[in-house]
Amino acid sequence: MNTQQKSDLPNAKSIDGPSVSWTPFDNIKSSPQNAMTYHVIQAGYSAMTPLGAAAGGILYGLGWRRFPSIFATMGSTGLFAGGVGMLMGLGGMQSISKKGEKATPKWNEEGIQQRVDGLSHNFKVRVIDLSTWAGIGIAAVALVGAGGPGRIKLSPGVLGAFQAVSLGSTLGSLGAIGCIFATAPKDDEDE
């Protein structure tokens, strides 16, 4: 009987290229189920927030003026789209978990741990996680420094604070995408 199983994920020691030494994911990866839940929520939010912010900018340009500025509109639509992304991520995880032993890798303790181990070394996932949270942190500092959301043309109160968080995470996500493209291996077309 062969006791070794073939992994569907790369061996962390064989990964070439850049690495990210720490992300918020690392704080919870000791609990694999929580780590997977965090990942699907965070990834869904990070993927959808920039799309929502772009849609908000377009809507504002087309005359939709429900909020005090283009930035408030972009923050609100980004936040809405991010929420949809989180639900999509949770739905995807639920769909995979229903497959159980038929999922690849299997959705059991070992398979979940395998996924968490892979995410612990996945540059793209890690840079998006870190950059999104960095953007949120920068937005929070900017919000405090400005003296509140109304002073930077966002909606007043809690909604404006959430708009700022949405805009910050959007910029962080876009920065991560830029970093991923900038560090991607270049194909030699001369060969």
Protein backbone atom coordinates (compact mmCIF):
# COMPACT_ATOMS: atom_id res chain seq x y z
CA MET A 1 0.00 0.00 0.00
CA ASN A 2 1.39 3.41 -1.01
CA THR A 3 1.16 5.79 1.95
CA GLN A 4 2.23 8.83 -0.06
CA GLN A 5 -0.44 10.83 -1.83
CA LYS A 6 0.21 13.03 -4.82
CA SER A 7 -0.43 16.67 -4.00
CA ASP A 8 -2.43 18.79 -6.43
CA LEU A 9 -0.62 21.86 -5.11
CA PRO A 10 3.02 22.77 -5.69
CA ASN A 11 5.60 22.01 -3.05
CA ALA A 12 6.37 25.30 -1.28
CA LYS A 13 10.11 24.61 -1.55
CA SER A 14 9.89 24.35 -5.33
CA ILE A 15 8.20 27.71 -5.91
CA ASP A 16 10.41 30.19 -7.72
CA GLY A 17 9.87 33.90 -7.81
CA PRO A 18 8.84 36.49 -5.29
CA SER A 19 7.39 35.71 -1.91
CA VAL A 20 5.44 37.65 0.69
CA SER A 21 6.78 36.98 4.17
CA TRP A 22 3.60 37.87 6.12
CA THR A 23 -0.08 38.53 5.47
CA PRO A 24 -3.17 38.73 7.71
CA PHE A 25 -3.97 35.18 6.54
CA ASP A 26 -0.98 33.97 8.57
CA ASN A 27 -2.72 34.99 11.80
CA ILE A 28 -5.45 32.38 11.35
CA LYS A 29 -3.90 29.63 9.24
CA SER A 30 -3.47 27.44 12.33
CA SER A 31 -7.24 26.91 12.11
CA PRO A 32 -7.61 25.54 8.55
CA GLN A 33 -11.39 25.85 8.26
CA ASN A 34 -11.31 29.46 9.48
CA ALA A 35 -8.38 30.18 7.19
CA MET A 36 -10.28 28.86 4.17
CA THR A 37 -13.35 30.89 5.12
CA TYR A 38 -11.22 34.01 5.50
CA HIS A 39 -9.55 33.37 2.16
CA VAL A 40 -12.76 32.99 0.15
CA ILE A 41 -14.31 36.06 1.78
CA GLN A 42 -11.18 38.18 1.34
CA ALA A 43 -10.51 37.03 -2.22
CA GLY A 44 -14.11 37.66 -3.28
CA TYR A 45 -14.08 41.11 -1.73
CA SER A 46 -10.70 42.02 -3.23
CA ALA A 47 -11.71 40.85 -6.70
CA MET A 48 -15.09 42.57 -6.83
CA THR A 49 -14.47 45.88 -5.04
CA PRO A 50 -12.45 47.45 -7.89
CA LEU A 51 -15.11 46.38 -10.38
CA GLY A 52 -17.80 47.97 -8.25
CA ALA A 53 -15.79 51.17 -7.83
CA ALA A 54 -15.32 51.39 -11.60
CA ALA A 55 -19.05 50.87 -12.11
CA GLY A 56 -19.73 53.64 -9.59
CA GLY A 57 -17.48 56.02 -11.48
CA ILE A 58 -19.32 55.22 -14.70
CA LEU A 59 -22.72 55.64 -13.05
CA TYR A 60 -21.68 58.98 -11.59
CA GLY A 61 -20.46 60.08 -15.02
CA LEU A 62 -23.82 59.10 -16.48
CA GLY A 63 -25.64 61.31 -13.98
CA TRP A 64 -26.43 58.98 -11.06
CA ARG A 65 -26.01 61.35 -8.10
CA ARG A 66 -27.20 59.48 -4.98
CA PHE A 67 -24.04 60.38 -3.07
CA PRO A 68 -22.16 63.67 -2.54
CA SER A 69 -19.27 62.99 -4.95
CA ILE A 70 -17.83 60.60 -7.47
CA PHE A 71 -15.60 59.17 -4.72
CA ALA A 72 -18.57 58.54 -2.42
CA THR A 73 -20.40 56.85 -5.29
CA MET A 74 -17.38 54.73 -6.17
CA GLY A 75 -16.89 53.80 -2.52
CA SER A 76 -20.52 52.77 -2.13
CA THR A 77 -20.71 50.70 -5.29
CA GLY A 78 -17.32 49.16 -4.53
CA LEU A 79 -18.53 48.20 -1.08
CA PHE A 80 -21.70 46.67 -2.52
CA ALA A 81 -19.76 44.72 -5.16
CA GLY A 82 -17.25 43.59 -2.49
CA GLY A 83 -20.14 42.25 -0.41
CA VAL A 84 -21.42 40.35 -3.44
CA GLY A 85 -17.89 39.00 -3.98
CA MET A 86 -17.74 37.76 -0.39
CA LEU A 87 -21.04 35.93 -0.83
CA MET A 88 -19.83 34.44 -4.11
CA GLY A 89 -16.67 33.20 -2.39
CA LEU A 90 -18.68 31.62 0.40
CA GLY A 91 -21.02 30.05 -2.15
CA GLY A 92 -18.08 28.61 -4.07
CA MET A 93 -16.58 27.16 -0.90
CA GLN A 94 -19.93 25.66 0.07
CA SER A 95 -20.24 24.10 -3.38
CA ILE A 96 -16.79 22.51 -3.09
CA SER A 97 -17.44 21.36 0.46
CA LYS A 98 -20.60 19.54 -0.68
CA LYS A 99 -18.45 17.44 -3.01
CA GLY A 100 -16.56 16.18 0.03
CA GLU A 101 -14.35 13.25 -0.95
CA LYS A 102 -15.06 13.83 -4.65
CA ALA A 103 -13.50 17.32 -4.61
CA THR A 104 -9.92 17.78 -5.78
CA PRO A 105 -8.19 17.91 -3.40
CA LYS A 106 -10.74 16.15 -1.21
CA TRP A 107 -12.76 18.36 1.10
CA ASN A 108 -11.76 16.78 4.38
CA GLU A 109 -9.30 17.76 7.12
CA GLU A 110 -6.31 16.76 5.04
CA GLY A 111 -7.59 18.42 1.86
CA ILE A 112 -8.43 21.65 3.66
CA GLN A 113 -4.96 21.67 5.24
CA GLN A 114 -3.44 21.07 1.82
CA ARG A 115 -5.29 24.10 0.46
CA VAL A 116 -4.19 26.24 3.41
CA ASP A 117 -0.58 25.13 2.93
CA GLY A 118 -0.78 26.10 -0.74
CA LEU A 119 -2.28 29.49 0.06
CA SER A 120 0.51 30.07 2.56
CA HIS A 121 2.98 30.14 -0.35
CA ASN A 122 0.87 31.52 -3.21
CA PHE A 123 2.43 34.86 -4.17
CA LYS A 124 -0.64 36.23 -5.97
CA VAL A 125 -3.04 35.41 -3.15
CA ARG A 126 -0.64 36.72 -0.52
CA VAL A 127 0.16 40.00 -2.26
CA ILE A 128 -3.54 40.70 -2.82
CA ASP A 129 -4.32 39.92 0.84
CA LEU A 130 -1.56 42.18 2.12
CA SER A 131 -2.17 45.00 -0.35
CA THR A 132 -5.91 45.11 0.25
CA TRP A 133 -5.39 45.44 3.99
CA ALA A 134 -2.62 48.01 3.46
CA GLY A 135 -5.04 50.06 1.37
CA ILE A 136 -7.65 49.85 4.12
CA GLY A 137 -5.06 50.98 6.68
CA ILE A 138 -3.95 53.91 4.55
CA ALA A 139 -7.58 54.93 4.00
CA ALA A 140 -8.24 54.81 7.74
CA VAL A 141 -5.21 57.01 8.46
CA ALA A 142 -6.28 59.44 5.72
CA LEU A 143 -9.80 59.54 7.12
CA VAL A 144 -8.57 60.37 10.61
CA GLY A 145 -6.04 62.87 9.27
CA ALA A 146 -8.70 64.66 7.24
CA GLY A 147 -11.03 64.90 10.20
CA GLY A 148 -13.79 62.63 8.97
CA PRO A 149 -15.43 61.45 5.78
CA GLY A 150 -17.39 64.64 5.09
CA ARG A 151 -14.14 66.62 4.85
CA ILE A 152 -12.99 64.50 1.90
CA LYS A 153 -16.31 64.61 0.04
CA LEU A 154 -17.60 61.26 1.24
CA SER A 155 -20.96 60.69 2.89
CA PRO A 156 -21.10 61.77 6.53
CA GLY A 157 -20.81 59.28 9.38
CA VAL A 158 -20.40 55.53 9.24
CA LEU A 159 -21.35 55.27 5.57
CA GLY A 160 -18.53 57.65 4.67
CA ALA A 161 -16.09 55.63 6.74
CA PHE A 162 -17.11 52.48 4.86
CA GLN A 163 -16.77 54.36 1.56
CA ALA A 164 -13.21 55.29 2.54
CA VAL A 165 -12.43 51.66 3.44
CA SER A 166 -13.85 50.56 0.10
CA LEU A 167 -11.76 53.09 -1.82
CA GLY A 168 -8.63 52.14 0.12
CA SER A 169 -9.12 48.44 -0.49
CA THR A 170 -9.80 49.15 -4.16
CA LEU A 171 -6.49 50.98 -4.48
CA GLY A 172 -4.76 48.18 -2.57
CA SER A 173 -6.25 45.52 -4.85
CA LEU A 174 -5.25 47.46 -7.96
CA GLY A 175 -1.75 47.95 -6.56
CA ALA A 176 -1.51 44.20 -5.97
CA ILE A 177 -2.57 43.48 -9.53
CA GLY A 178 0.12 45.88 -10.75
CA CYS A 179 2.68 44.15 -8.54
CA ILE A 180 1.66 40.74 -9.88
CA PHE A 181 2.04 41.89 -13.49
CA ALA A 182 5.33 43.66 -12.76
CA THR A 183 6.85 40.56 -11.17
CA ALA A 184 5.47 38.02 -13.64
CA PRO A 185 8.14 36.09 -15.54
CA LYS A 186 8.65 37.50 -19.00
CA ASP A 187 8.43 35.08 -21.92
CA ASP A 188 11.35 35.30 -24.29
CA GLU A 189 9.83 35.88 -27.71
CA ASP A 190 13.23 35.54 -29.40
CA GLU A 191 13.48 31.83 -28.66
